[in-house]
Amino acid sequence: MPLANPSPSRWAKAGYIRKVTKGRDFYVAGTSPRGGDAMKKIVAVAVLAAMTMLGAVAAAYADGRHRVDGRQQEEVSSAQYHILLGQCRFGDTAGARAQCRTDVKRNYRIGARNPDLDCRTYSSVSVCGELTLSPREQACVSESVGGGLTFRRAEVECYAFG
């Protein structure tokens, strides 16, 4: 922004250039013999720093493991991934089944077998990970555990067979 009629020596020392427009003196930022390139250098350093930071962020997300929300996708074997997708067929509604498939695709990726993923099979039904049970299924689990089944078996059977 031009400054109207400032003290010439003060502004010239700061690297401003004198311009005369319609008989008035103006000093504008720019190159001067006294080193007005300082602003250009500051901007160049700021741009370089921003590019460096963006490059580091891009490199962190380039491996495909990180998501926008900051969480990392879990690596699971192909068999574990197919079990995770397959267990979505037991959702109560079409919306629940679709949400389950979306969650699996967002949270897991095929790679090495994950020994920490809790996979189990009861009554020929295989599931992995934490199961999201409806209130009806939770009541079924409580009743089955009361009847003598283990919690893990009751959880899988109630999830699959309701």
Protein backbone atom coordinates (compact mmCIF):
# COMPACT_ATOMS: atom_id res chain seq x y z
CA MET A 1 0.00 0.00 0.00
CA PRO A 2 1.54 3.38 -0.99
CA LEU A 3 2.22 5.86 1.75
CA ALA A 4 1.45 9.49 0.93
CA ASN A 5 4.11 12.12 1.67
CA PRO A 6 6.12 10.33 4.35
CA SER A 7 9.52 11.49 5.47
CA PRO A 8 11.71 10.69 2.43
CA SER A 9 14.82 9.59 4.28
CA ARG A 10 13.01 7.28 6.70
CA TRP A 11 11.17 5.36 3.99
CA ALA A 12 14.04 5.27 1.55
CA LYS A 13 16.22 3.65 4.20
CA ALA A 14 13.56 1.00 4.73
CA GLY A 15 13.76 -0.07 1.08
CA TYR A 16 10.79 1.81 -0.37
CA ILE A 17 10.88 3.42 -3.80
CA ARG A 18 9.76 7.00 -4.34
CA LYS A 19 7.04 7.50 -6.92
CA VAL A 20 5.53 10.80 -7.89
CA THR A 21 1.89 10.70 -8.97
CA LYS A 22 -0.18 13.81 -9.70
CA GLY A 23 2.38 15.96 -7.97
CA ARG A 24 2.43 13.92 -4.76
CA ASP A 25 5.25 11.77 -3.45
CA PHE A 26 4.48 8.13 -2.69
CA TYR A 27 6.79 5.44 -1.37
CA VAL A 28 5.99 1.86 -2.33
CA ALA A 29 7.67 -1.39 -1.33
CA GLY A 30 10.01 -2.72 -3.95
CA THR A 31 13.59 -3.02 -5.05
CA SER A 32 15.87 -0.17 -4.24
CA PRO A 33 19.61 0.25 -4.27
CA ARG A 34 19.56 -0.11 -0.48
CA GLY A 35 18.39 -3.75 -0.52
CA GLY A 36 14.61 -3.67 -0.85
CA ASP A 37 14.87 -7.31 -1.95
CA ALA A 38 14.49 -8.27 1.70
CA MET A 39 10.73 -8.76 1.31
CA LYS A 40 11.28 -11.05 -1.66
CA LYS A 41 13.76 -13.07 0.38
CA ILE A 42 11.31 -13.35 3.28
CA VAL A 43 8.55 -14.53 0.94
CA ALA A 44 10.89 -17.03 -0.73
CA VAL A 45 11.90 -18.50 2.65
CA ALA A 46 8.25 -18.72 3.75
CA VAL A 47 7.26 -20.49 0.52
CA LEU A 48 10.18 -22.90 0.85
CA ALA A 49 9.23 -23.71 4.45
CA ALA A 50 5.59 -24.30 3.47
CA MET A 51 6.60 -26.59 0.60
CA THR A 52 8.88 -28.57 2.92
CA MET A 53 6.10 -29.10 5.44
CA LEU A 54 3.59 -30.09 2.77
CA GLY A 55 6.12 -32.53 1.35
CA ALA A 56 6.54 -34.19 4.74
CA VAL A 57 2.78 -34.52 5.17
CA ALA A 58 2.37 -35.91 1.67
CA ALA A 59 5.13 -38.46 2.29
CA ALA A 60 3.42 -39.65 5.46
CA TYR A 61 0.17 -40.30 3.59
CA ALA A 62 1.79 -41.69 0.43
CA ASP A 63 2.21 -45.18 1.87
CA GLY A 64 -1.58 -45.61 1.92
CA ARG A 65 -1.69 -46.54 5.60
CA HIS A 66 -2.80 -43.19 6.96
CA ARG A 67 -6.25 -41.75 6.60
CA VAL A 68 -7.41 -38.17 6.77
CA ASP A 69 -8.70 -38.64 10.30
CA GLY A 70 -5.17 -39.59 11.40
CA ARG A 71 -5.82 -43.25 12.06
CA GLN A 72 -3.77 -45.92 10.39
CA GLN A 73 -5.23 -48.80 8.38
CA GLU A 74 -4.56 -52.20 9.89
CA GLU A 75 -2.75 -54.67 7.70
CA VAL A 76 -4.46 -58.09 7.57
CA SER A 77 -4.04 -61.20 5.45
CA SER A 78 -6.26 -61.81 2.45
CA ALA A 79 -8.14 -64.53 4.38
CA GLN A 80 -8.71 -62.21 7.36
CA TYR A 81 -9.91 -59.45 5.04
CA HIS A 82 -12.42 -61.78 3.36
CA ILE A 83 -13.71 -62.94 6.75
CA LEU A 84 -14.15 -59.29 7.80
CA LEU A 85 -16.08 -58.54 4.61
CA GLY A 86 -18.05 -61.79 4.83
CA GLN A 87 -19.24 -61.17 8.37
CA CYS A 88 -21.01 -58.04 7.12
CA ARG A 89 -23.73 -60.26 5.61
CA PHE A 90 -25.08 -60.82 9.13
CA GLY A 91 -26.08 -57.17 9.65
CA ASP A 92 -29.74 -56.64 10.58
CA THR A 93 -30.49 -54.12 7.83
CA ALA A 94 -29.20 -53.29 4.36
CA GLY A 95 -27.83 -50.03 5.77
CA ALA A 96 -25.96 -51.86 8.54
CA ARG A 97 -24.48 -54.31 6.02
CA ALA A 98 -23.35 -51.46 3.73
CA GLN A 99 -21.85 -49.53 6.67
CA CYS A 100 -20.00 -52.65 7.79
CA ARG A 101 -18.44 -53.12 4.34
CA THR A 102 -17.46 -49.44 4.21
CA ASP A 103 -15.84 -49.68 7.65
CA VAL A 104 -13.86 -52.77 6.67
CA LYS A 105 -12.56 -51.13 3.49
CA ARG A 106 -11.63 -47.97 5.39
CA ASN A 107 -9.98 -49.63 8.40
CA TYR A 108 -8.18 -52.63 6.88
CA ARG A 109 -5.89 -53.36 3.96
CA ILE A 110 -4.53 -56.61 2.60
CA GLY A 111 -0.93 -57.38 3.50
CA ALA A 112 0.67 -59.60 6.11
CA ARG A 113 -1.36 -61.71 8.54
CA ASN A 114 -2.28 -59.78 11.68
CA PRO A 115 -1.85 -62.05 14.73
CA ASP A 116 -3.49 -59.41 16.96
CA LEU A 117 -6.80 -59.54 15.06
CA ASP A 118 -9.25 -61.61 17.10
CA CYS A 119 -10.64 -64.17 14.63
CA ARG A 120 -12.84 -67.06 15.75
CA THR A 121 -15.16 -69.69 14.28
CA TYR A 122 -18.21 -71.18 15.99
CA SER A 123 -21.01 -73.19 14.34
CA SER A 124 -19.26 -72.82 10.95
CA VAL A 125 -19.39 -69.01 11.19
CA SER A 126 -16.06 -67.15 11.10
CA VAL A 127 -15.73 -63.58 12.34
CA CYS A 128 -12.84 -61.26 13.11
CA GLY A 129 -12.50 -58.18 15.28
CA GLU A 130 -15.03 -56.56 17.53
CA LEU A 131 -18.67 -57.27 16.65
CA THR A 132 -21.25 -54.50 16.77
CA LEU A 133 -24.36 -56.09 18.24
CA SER A 134 -27.91 -54.76 18.07
CA PRO A 135 -29.90 -54.57 21.32
CA ARG A 136 -31.71 -57.76 20.31
CA GLU A 137 -28.39 -59.55 19.74
CA GLN A 138 -27.03 -58.28 23.07
CA ALA A 139 -30.08 -59.71 24.83
CA CYS A 140 -29.49 -63.01 23.02
CA VAL A 141 -25.87 -63.06 24.24
CA SER A 142 -26.93 -62.42 27.84
CA GLU A 143 -29.52 -65.20 27.68
CA SER A 144 -27.08 -67.65 26.04
CA VAL A 145 -24.31 -66.94 28.56
CA GLY A 146 -26.88 -67.46 31.32
CA GLY A 147 -27.66 -70.81 29.72
CA GLY A 148 -24.05 -71.97 29.84
CA LEU A 149 -22.42 -70.88 26.55
CA THR A 150 -19.13 -69.00 26.63
CA PHE A 151 -19.38 -65.31 25.87
CA ARG A 152 -17.32 -65.58 22.66
CA ARG A 153 -19.44 -68.42 21.27
CA ALA A 154 -22.70 -66.71 22.27
CA GLU A 155 -21.53 -63.48 20.66
CA VAL A 156 -20.79 -65.16 17.31
CA GLU A 157 -23.94 -67.30 17.27
CA CYS A 158 -26.24 -64.44 18.26
CA TYR A 159 -24.57 -62.16 15.69
CA ALA A 160 -25.03 -64.73 12.93
CA PHE A 161 -28.33 -66.35 13.84
CA GLY A 162 -29.98 -63.64 15.93
